Amino acid sequence: MAKKITLSPRGDILKQDLMKVGKGAMIAGGGAFATYLLQGLTQVDYGDWTPIVVALLSVVINFVRKYITENKY
């Protein structure tokens, strides 16, 4: 039996959409929090590089999340 695909029409937000946005926000927040912890623990000020460090840590958090969970495609 084929899996049913649900489309989110333009101008409408489904529960699945909100869950994806929430996961993205948690990953971005996790990257920011990890940067905050690293700056506090290592006493390193990233200065102008802070946004790049936050983005890289967010990617690492997303990679780890994907690695430790079961993925269905």
N, C-alpha and C. Protein backbone atom coordinates (compact mmCIF):
# COMPACT_ATOMS: atom_id res chain seq x y z
N MET A 1 0.84 -1.18 0.00
CA MET A 1 0.00 0.00 0.00
C MET A 1 0.88 1.25 0.00
N ALA A 2 0.59 2.15 -0.88
CA ALA A 2 1.38 3.38 -1.01
C ALA A 2 1.08 4.33 0.15
N LYS A 3 2.11 5.02 0.56
CA LYS A 3 1.95 6.00 1.64
C LYS A 3 1.25 7.24 1.11
N LYS A 4 0.28 7.73 1.86
CA LYS A 4 -0.47 8.91 1.45
C LYS A 4 0.35 10.17 1.73
N ILE A 5 0.46 11.00 0.72
CA ILE A 5 1.19 12.26 0.86
C ILE A 5 0.19 13.38 1.06
N THR A 6 0.37 14.15 2.12
CA THR A 6 -0.49 15.28 2.40
C THR A 6 0.22 16.56 1.99
N LEU A 7 -0.45 17.37 1.20
CA LEU A 7 0.12 18.63 0.75
C LEU A 7 -0.42 19.76 1.61
N SER A 8 0.43 20.72 1.88
CA SER A 8 0.03 21.91 2.62
C SER A 8 -0.26 23.01 1.60
N PRO A 9 -1.55 23.35 1.41
CA PRO A 9 -1.87 24.37 0.41
C PRO A 9 -1.31 25.74 0.80
N ARG A 10 -1.12 26.56 -0.21
CA ARG A 10 -0.59 27.91 0.01
C ARG A 10 -1.54 28.68 0.92
N GLY A 11 -0.98 29.34 1.90
CA GLY A 11 -1.78 30.15 2.82
C GLY A 11 -2.38 29.36 3.97
N ASP A 12 -2.02 28.08 4.10
CA ASP A 12 -2.55 27.24 5.17
C ASP A 12 -1.39 26.56 5.88
N ILE A 13 -1.46 26.47 7.18
CA ILE A 13 -0.42 25.83 7.97
C ILE A 13 -1.01 24.59 8.63
N LEU A 14 -0.38 23.45 8.36
CA LEU A 14 -0.82 22.20 8.96
C LEU A 14 0.01 21.90 10.20
N LYS A 15 -0.46 20.95 10.98
CA LYS A 15 0.26 20.55 12.20
C LYS A 15 1.68 20.11 11.87
N GLN A 16 1.85 19.38 10.77
CA GLN A 16 3.18 18.92 10.37
C GLN A 16 4.10 20.10 10.07
N ASP A 17 3.54 21.15 9.47
CA ASP A 17 4.33 22.35 9.18
C ASP A 17 4.83 22.99 10.47
N LEU A 18 3.93 23.11 11.44
CA LEU A 18 4.31 23.71 12.72
C LEU A 18 5.37 22.88 13.44
N MET A 19 5.25 21.56 13.33
CA MET A 19 6.24 20.71 13.97
C MET A 19 7.61 20.88 13.32
N LYS A 20 7.66 21.02 11.99
CA LYS A 20 8.93 21.22 11.30
C LYS A 20 9.55 22.58 11.67
N VAL A 21 8.71 23.60 11.75
CA VAL A 21 9.20 24.92 12.14
C VAL A 21 9.72 24.87 13.58
N GLY A 22 9.01 24.18 14.45
CA GLY A 22 9.43 24.04 15.83
C GLY A 22 10.77 23.32 15.96
N LYS A 23 10.95 22.24 15.18
CA LYS A 23 12.23 21.52 15.20
C LYS A 23 13.36 22.42 14.73
N GLY A 24 13.11 23.18 13.68
CA GLY A 24 14.13 24.10 13.17
C GLY A 24 14.49 25.17 14.20
N ALA A 25 13.47 25.67 14.90
CA ALA A 25 13.72 26.67 15.93
C ALA A 25 14.52 26.08 17.09
N MET A 26 14.21 24.83 17.45
CA MET A 26 14.95 24.19 18.54
C MET A 26 16.40 23.93 18.13
N ILE A 27 16.63 23.57 16.88
CA ILE A 27 18.00 23.36 16.41
C ILE A 27 18.77 24.67 16.41
N ALA A 28 18.14 25.74 15.91
CA ALA A 28 18.80 27.06 15.90
C ALA A 28 19.06 27.54 17.32
N GLY A 29 18.08 27.37 18.20
CA GLY A 29 18.26 27.75 19.60
C GLY A 29 19.34 26.93 20.28
N GLY A 30 19.41 25.64 19.91
CA GLY A 30 20.45 24.77 20.46
C GLY A 30 21.83 25.23 20.03
N GLY A 31 21.96 25.65 18.79
CA GLY A 31 23.24 26.18 18.31
C GLY A 31 23.64 27.44 19.05
N ALA A 32 22.67 28.31 19.27
CA ALA A 32 22.95 29.55 20.00
C ALA A 32 23.33 29.25 21.45
N PHE A 33 22.61 28.31 22.07
CA PHE A 33 22.91 27.95 23.45
C PHE A 33 24.27 27.27 23.56
N ALA A 34 24.60 26.40 22.60
CA ALA A 34 25.91 25.74 22.60
C ALA A 34 27.02 26.77 22.46
N THR A 35 26.81 27.79 21.64
CA THR A 35 27.80 28.86 21.49
C THR A 35 27.97 29.62 22.80
N TYR A 36 26.85 29.90 23.45
CA TYR A 36 26.89 30.58 24.75
C TYR A 36 27.69 29.77 25.76
N LEU A 37 27.42 28.44 25.80
CA LEU A 37 28.16 27.59 26.73
C LEU A 37 29.65 27.54 26.40
N LEU A 38 29.97 27.41 25.11
CA LEU A 38 31.38 27.37 24.72
C LEU A 38 32.11 28.65 25.09
N GLN A 39 31.45 29.78 24.88
CA GLN A 39 32.08 31.05 25.23
C GLN A 39 32.30 31.15 26.73
N GLY A 40 31.35 30.64 27.50
CA GLY A 40 31.49 30.67 28.95
C GLY A 40 32.54 29.71 29.47
N LEU A 41 32.59 28.52 28.89
CA LEU A 41 33.53 27.50 29.37
C LEU A 41 34.96 27.76 28.92
N THR A 42 35.13 28.24 27.69
CA THR A 42 36.48 28.42 27.15
C THR A 42 36.99 29.84 27.28
N GLN A 43 36.12 30.75 27.69
CA GLN A 43 36.48 32.17 27.82
C GLN A 43 36.99 32.74 26.49
N VAL A 44 36.43 32.25 25.39
CA VAL A 44 36.79 32.73 24.05
C VAL A 44 35.65 33.59 23.53
N ASP A 45 35.98 34.79 23.10
CA ASP A 45 34.99 35.66 22.49
C ASP A 45 35.13 35.53 20.97
N TYR A 46 34.07 35.05 20.32
CA TYR A 46 34.13 34.83 18.88
C TYR A 46 33.95 36.10 18.06
N GLY A 47 33.52 37.17 18.70
CA GLY A 47 33.40 38.47 18.04
C GLY A 47 32.54 38.41 16.79
N ASP A 48 33.10 38.85 15.66
CA ASP A 48 32.37 38.86 14.40
C ASP A 48 32.06 37.45 13.89
N TRP A 49 32.75 36.45 14.40
CA TRP A 49 32.54 35.06 13.96
C TRP A 49 31.38 34.39 14.69
N THR A 50 30.77 35.03 15.67
CA THR A 50 29.70 34.41 16.45
C THR A 50 28.57 33.87 15.59
N PRO A 51 28.03 34.62 14.60
CA PRO A 51 26.96 34.05 13.78
C PRO A 51 27.38 32.80 13.02
N ILE A 52 28.63 32.75 12.59
CA ILE A 52 29.11 31.58 11.86
C ILE A 52 29.25 30.39 12.81
N VAL A 53 29.73 30.64 14.01
CA VAL A 53 29.85 29.57 15.00
C VAL A 53 28.47 29.03 15.36
N VAL A 54 27.50 29.92 15.54
CA VAL A 54 26.13 29.49 15.85
C VAL A 54 25.58 28.63 14.71
N ALA A 55 25.78 29.05 13.48
CA ALA A 55 25.29 28.28 12.33
C ALA A 55 25.96 26.91 12.26
N LEU A 56 27.27 26.86 12.46
CA LEU A 56 27.98 25.58 12.41
C LEU A 56 27.54 24.65 13.53
N LEU A 57 27.36 25.18 14.72
CA LEU A 57 26.90 24.34 15.83
C LEU A 57 25.47 23.86 15.60
N SER A 58 24.65 24.66 14.95
CA SER A 58 23.29 24.23 14.61
C SER A 58 23.33 23.06 13.63
N VAL A 59 24.23 23.12 12.67
CA VAL A 59 24.39 22.01 11.72
C VAL A 59 24.86 20.76 12.44
N VAL A 60 25.79 20.91 13.37
CA VAL A 60 26.28 19.76 14.14
C VAL A 60 25.14 19.15 14.96
N ILE A 61 24.34 19.99 15.60
CA ILE A 61 23.21 19.49 16.39
C ILE A 61 22.22 18.75 15.49
N ASN A 62 21.93 19.28 14.31
CA ASN A 62 21.02 18.62 13.39
C ASN A 62 21.59 17.29 12.92
N PHE A 63 22.89 17.23 12.64
CA PHE A 63 23.55 16.00 12.21
C PHE A 63 23.45 14.94 13.31
N VAL A 64 23.73 15.33 14.54
CA VAL A 64 23.66 14.38 15.65
C VAL A 64 22.22 13.90 15.84
N ARG A 65 21.26 14.80 15.72
CA ARG A 65 19.85 14.43 15.84
C ARG A 65 19.48 13.40 14.78
N LYS A 66 19.90 13.61 13.56
CA LYS A 66 19.62 12.67 12.48
C LYS A 66 20.33 11.34 12.70
N TYR A 67 21.54 11.39 13.25
CA TYR A 67 22.34 10.19 13.45
C TYR A 67 21.74 9.28 14.52
N ILE A 68 21.20 9.87 15.59
CA ILE A 68 20.73 9.06 16.71
C ILE A 68 19.26 8.66 16.59
N THR A 69 18.53 9.20 15.63
CA THR A 69 17.12 8.83 15.47
C THR A 69 16.93 7.98 14.23
N GLU A 70 15.85 7.23 14.23
CA GLU A 70 15.50 6.42 13.06
C GLU A 70 14.87 7.32 12.03
N ASN A 71 15.35 7.25 10.80
CA ASN A 71 14.86 8.11 9.72
C ASN A 71 14.09 7.27 8.71
N LYS A 72 12.98 7.80 8.23
CA LYS A 72 12.18 7.13 7.21
C LYS A 72 12.15 8.00 5.98
N TYR A 73 12.43 7.39 4.83
CA TYR A 73 12.42 8.13 3.57
C TYR A 73 11.51 7.44 2.59
